[in-house]
Structures are given as structure tokens and as C-alpha cells.
Amino acid sequence: MRPNNMSGSAALEQTEAVEDGTALIGNAAPQGATPQQKQAIARRIGEDWQRISSNIAELFATGVPSGDPRTQQVVQEHYRWIGNFWNPDRASYLRLAEMYVNQPKFRHRIERRKPKGMAAYLRDAMTTYAWANLR
């Protein structure tokens, strides 16, 4: 299921984002949602992740520190995105940050088409965000 307006690696990345969204959404769709509604929710979640991870990758690749306000703004978007699944407090968001680095499945998903080391950068940015903004 390849988007019509994209080609090559951009289309592949978009398809993978949708697949990631589908994998991540699990039972988050409202009860009684049609398969089409579930697919639309998964697509939105996947596209949001793709946008957030691309922004993080750009910041990482250009050497912007993880605590920089630009990075923290994107991490705030990430925190809101996580709200599709649950509302983490500081402790659970810190655990998620560590899991992104320590669990190969998550690290692979984060770094699949992004710079190696991005998972650690995201962890560090999430840690800064959690301590500054969450209870």
C-alpha cells in the first residue's frame, strides 16, 4: 500500500511509518471502529512518528544539543504523541527513554533509516524534558 504521491525511499519510509503506526496502535482504536477507521488512526500515528523522528534526526545530525530548546520542542511533540497510547508521568517517560536505547526492537525502529546513535540522543532529550516538565 504505497502512497500515490511519493516514490522511492520516501514512499518506503511512509509505508513503514504506517506499518509502525499499525503495529503501535494495538487496541488503541475506539471499540467498534471499522477497519478503515483503524487504518486511518494507524496512518496518522505513523505519520506523526515519521515527522517527529525526522525532526529529531535532523537536530541530531546537525549537532544541536539534546537540551537545546529546539530539541526540547520536538520532544514535547513526542510526549504528546505518546499520549496516543498512555499518559506517562516522569518515571514512566524516563523508563521509555531507556527502553528506546536498551531494547533492540525499539532502537532498530528509531534508527532504521535515521543516524546511528539517534536513540541515545532521543533518550537524553527525553530525560531532560522529563526532569524539567513532568512529575
Protein backbone atom coordinates (compact mmCIF):
# COMPACT_ATOMS: atom_id res chain seq x y z
CA MET A 1 0.00 0.00 0.00
CA ARG A 2 2.20 2.74 -1.38
CA PRO A 3 1.08 6.38 -1.24
CA ASN A 4 0.39 7.71 -4.73
CA ASN A 5 2.27 10.97 -4.44
CA MET A 6 5.61 9.55 -3.27
CA SER A 7 8.29 7.46 -4.85
CA GLY A 8 11.45 5.59 -3.93
CA SER A 9 12.75 5.73 -0.39
CA ALA A 10 10.25 8.43 0.67
CA ALA A 11 7.39 6.09 -0.22
CA LEU A 12 9.08 3.23 1.59
CA GLU A 13 9.57 5.39 4.68
CA GLN A 14 5.91 6.46 4.53
CA THR A 15 4.78 2.85 4.19
CA GLU A 16 6.97 1.83 7.13
CA ALA A 17 5.56 4.70 9.17
CA VAL A 18 2.05 3.43 8.52
CA GLU A 19 3.18 -0.09 9.40
CA ASP A 20 4.76 1.25 12.60
CA GLY A 21 1.55 3.05 13.41
CA THR A 22 -0.43 -0.12 12.77
CA ALA A 23 1.91 -2.12 14.97
CA LEU A 24 1.87 0.50 17.71
CA ILE A 25 -1.83 1.20 17.79
CA GLY A 26 -2.77 -2.25 19.03
CA ASN A 27 -6.15 -1.89 20.70
CA ALA A 28 -5.97 1.91 20.98
CA ALA A 29 -8.66 2.38 18.35
CA PRO A 30 -12.11 3.02 19.78
CA GLN A 31 -14.21 -0.06 20.30
CA GLY A 32 -16.39 -0.64 17.27
CA ALA A 33 -14.03 1.19 14.91
CA THR A 34 -14.18 -0.09 11.37
CA PRO A 35 -11.05 -1.49 9.71
CA GLN A 36 -10.89 1.71 7.66
CA GLN A 37 -11.06 3.86 10.80
CA LYS A 38 -8.36 1.76 12.45
CA GLN A 39 -6.19 2.15 9.35
CA ALA A 40 -6.73 5.93 9.35
CA ILE A 41 -5.75 6.16 13.02
CA ALA A 42 -2.69 3.98 12.42
CA ARG A 43 -1.72 6.11 9.40
CA ARG A 44 -1.98 9.33 11.43
CA ILE A 45 0.05 7.88 14.30
CA GLY A 46 2.67 6.57 11.87
CA GLU A 47 2.88 9.88 10.00
CA ASP A 48 3.20 11.78 13.28
CA TRP A 49 6.03 9.47 14.35
CA GLN A 50 7.73 9.91 11.00
CA ARG A 51 7.59 13.71 11.32
CA ILE A 52 8.82 13.69 14.91
CA SER A 53 11.63 11.22 14.28
CA SER A 54 12.73 13.10 11.15
CA ASN A 55 12.90 16.33 13.13
CA ILE A 56 14.91 14.63 15.89
CA ALA A 57 17.23 13.09 13.27
CA GLU A 58 17.86 16.48 11.68
CA LEU A 59 18.64 18.07 15.03
CA PHE A 60 20.93 15.17 15.94
CA ALA A 61 22.71 15.15 12.57
CA THR A 62 23.39 18.89 12.72
CA GLY A 63 24.82 18.73 16.24
CA VAL A 64 22.05 20.50 18.12
CA PRO A 65 22.40 19.51 21.81
CA SER A 66 19.68 17.32 23.30
CA GLY A 67 18.84 20.03 25.85
CA ASP A 68 18.54 22.80 23.26
CA PRO A 69 15.10 24.48 23.18
CA ARG A 70 14.58 23.35 19.56
CA THR A 71 15.15 19.73 20.55
CA GLN A 72 13.02 20.08 23.63
CA GLN A 73 10.15 21.44 21.48
CA VAL A 74 10.26 18.29 19.33
CA VAL A 75 10.45 16.10 22.44
CA GLN A 76 7.34 17.86 23.73
CA GLU A 77 5.65 16.78 20.48
CA HIS A 78 6.94 13.26 21.14
CA TYR A 79 5.47 13.33 24.64
CA ARG A 80 2.11 14.41 23.19
CA TRP A 81 2.41 11.64 20.57
CA ILE A 82 2.94 9.06 23.31
CA GLY A 83 -0.43 10.24 24.61
CA ASN A 84 -1.96 8.16 21.80
CA PHE A 85 -1.07 5.13 23.93
CA TRP A 86 -0.94 6.32 27.53
CA ASN A 87 -0.14 9.43 29.58
CA PRO A 88 3.28 8.91 31.10
CA ASP A 89 4.46 10.56 34.25
CA ARG A 90 8.14 11.39 34.77
CA ALA A 91 9.14 7.90 35.93
CA SER A 92 7.43 6.07 33.07
CA TYR A 93 8.72 8.53 30.45
CA LEU A 94 12.25 8.05 31.79
CA ARG A 95 11.79 4.26 31.57
CA LEU A 96 10.57 4.61 27.99
CA ALA A 97 13.63 6.72 27.16
CA GLU A 98 15.90 3.97 28.48
CA MET A 99 13.92 1.31 26.66
CA TYR A 100 14.47 3.16 23.37
CA VAL A 101 18.21 2.53 23.81
CA ASN A 102 18.31 -0.78 25.66
CA GLN A 103 15.68 -2.76 23.74
CA PRO A 104 16.96 -3.73 20.26
CA LYS A 105 13.43 -3.71 18.79
CA PHE A 106 12.89 -0.08 19.77
CA ARG A 107 16.43 1.03 18.93
CA HIS A 108 16.08 -0.56 15.48
CA ARG A 109 12.74 1.16 14.86
CA ILE A 110 14.19 4.53 15.89
CA GLU A 111 17.41 4.16 13.92
CA ARG A 112 16.14 2.11 10.97
CA ARG A 113 16.54 4.91 8.45
CA LYS A 114 17.99 7.52 10.77
CA PRO A 115 21.52 8.16 12.05
CA LYS A 116 23.03 5.59 14.37
CA GLY A 117 23.11 6.99 17.87
CA MET A 118 19.78 8.77 17.48
CA ALA A 119 18.14 6.54 20.08
CA ALA A 120 20.65 7.69 22.72
CA TYR A 121 20.18 11.31 21.64
CA LEU A 122 16.40 10.92 21.94
CA ARG A 123 16.83 9.28 25.36
CA ASP A 124 18.96 12.18 26.56
CA ALA A 125 16.46 14.73 25.21
CA MET A 126 13.55 12.86 26.80
CA THR A 127 15.40 12.73 30.12
CA THR A 128 15.95 16.49 30.07
CA TYR A 129 12.30 17.04 29.16
CA ALA A 130 11.00 14.70 31.85
CA TRP A 131 13.01 16.30 34.64
CA ALA A 132 12.04 19.81 33.53
CA ASN A 133 8.35 19.25 32.77
CA LEU A 134 6.90 16.10 34.30
CA ARG A 135 6.07 14.99 37.82
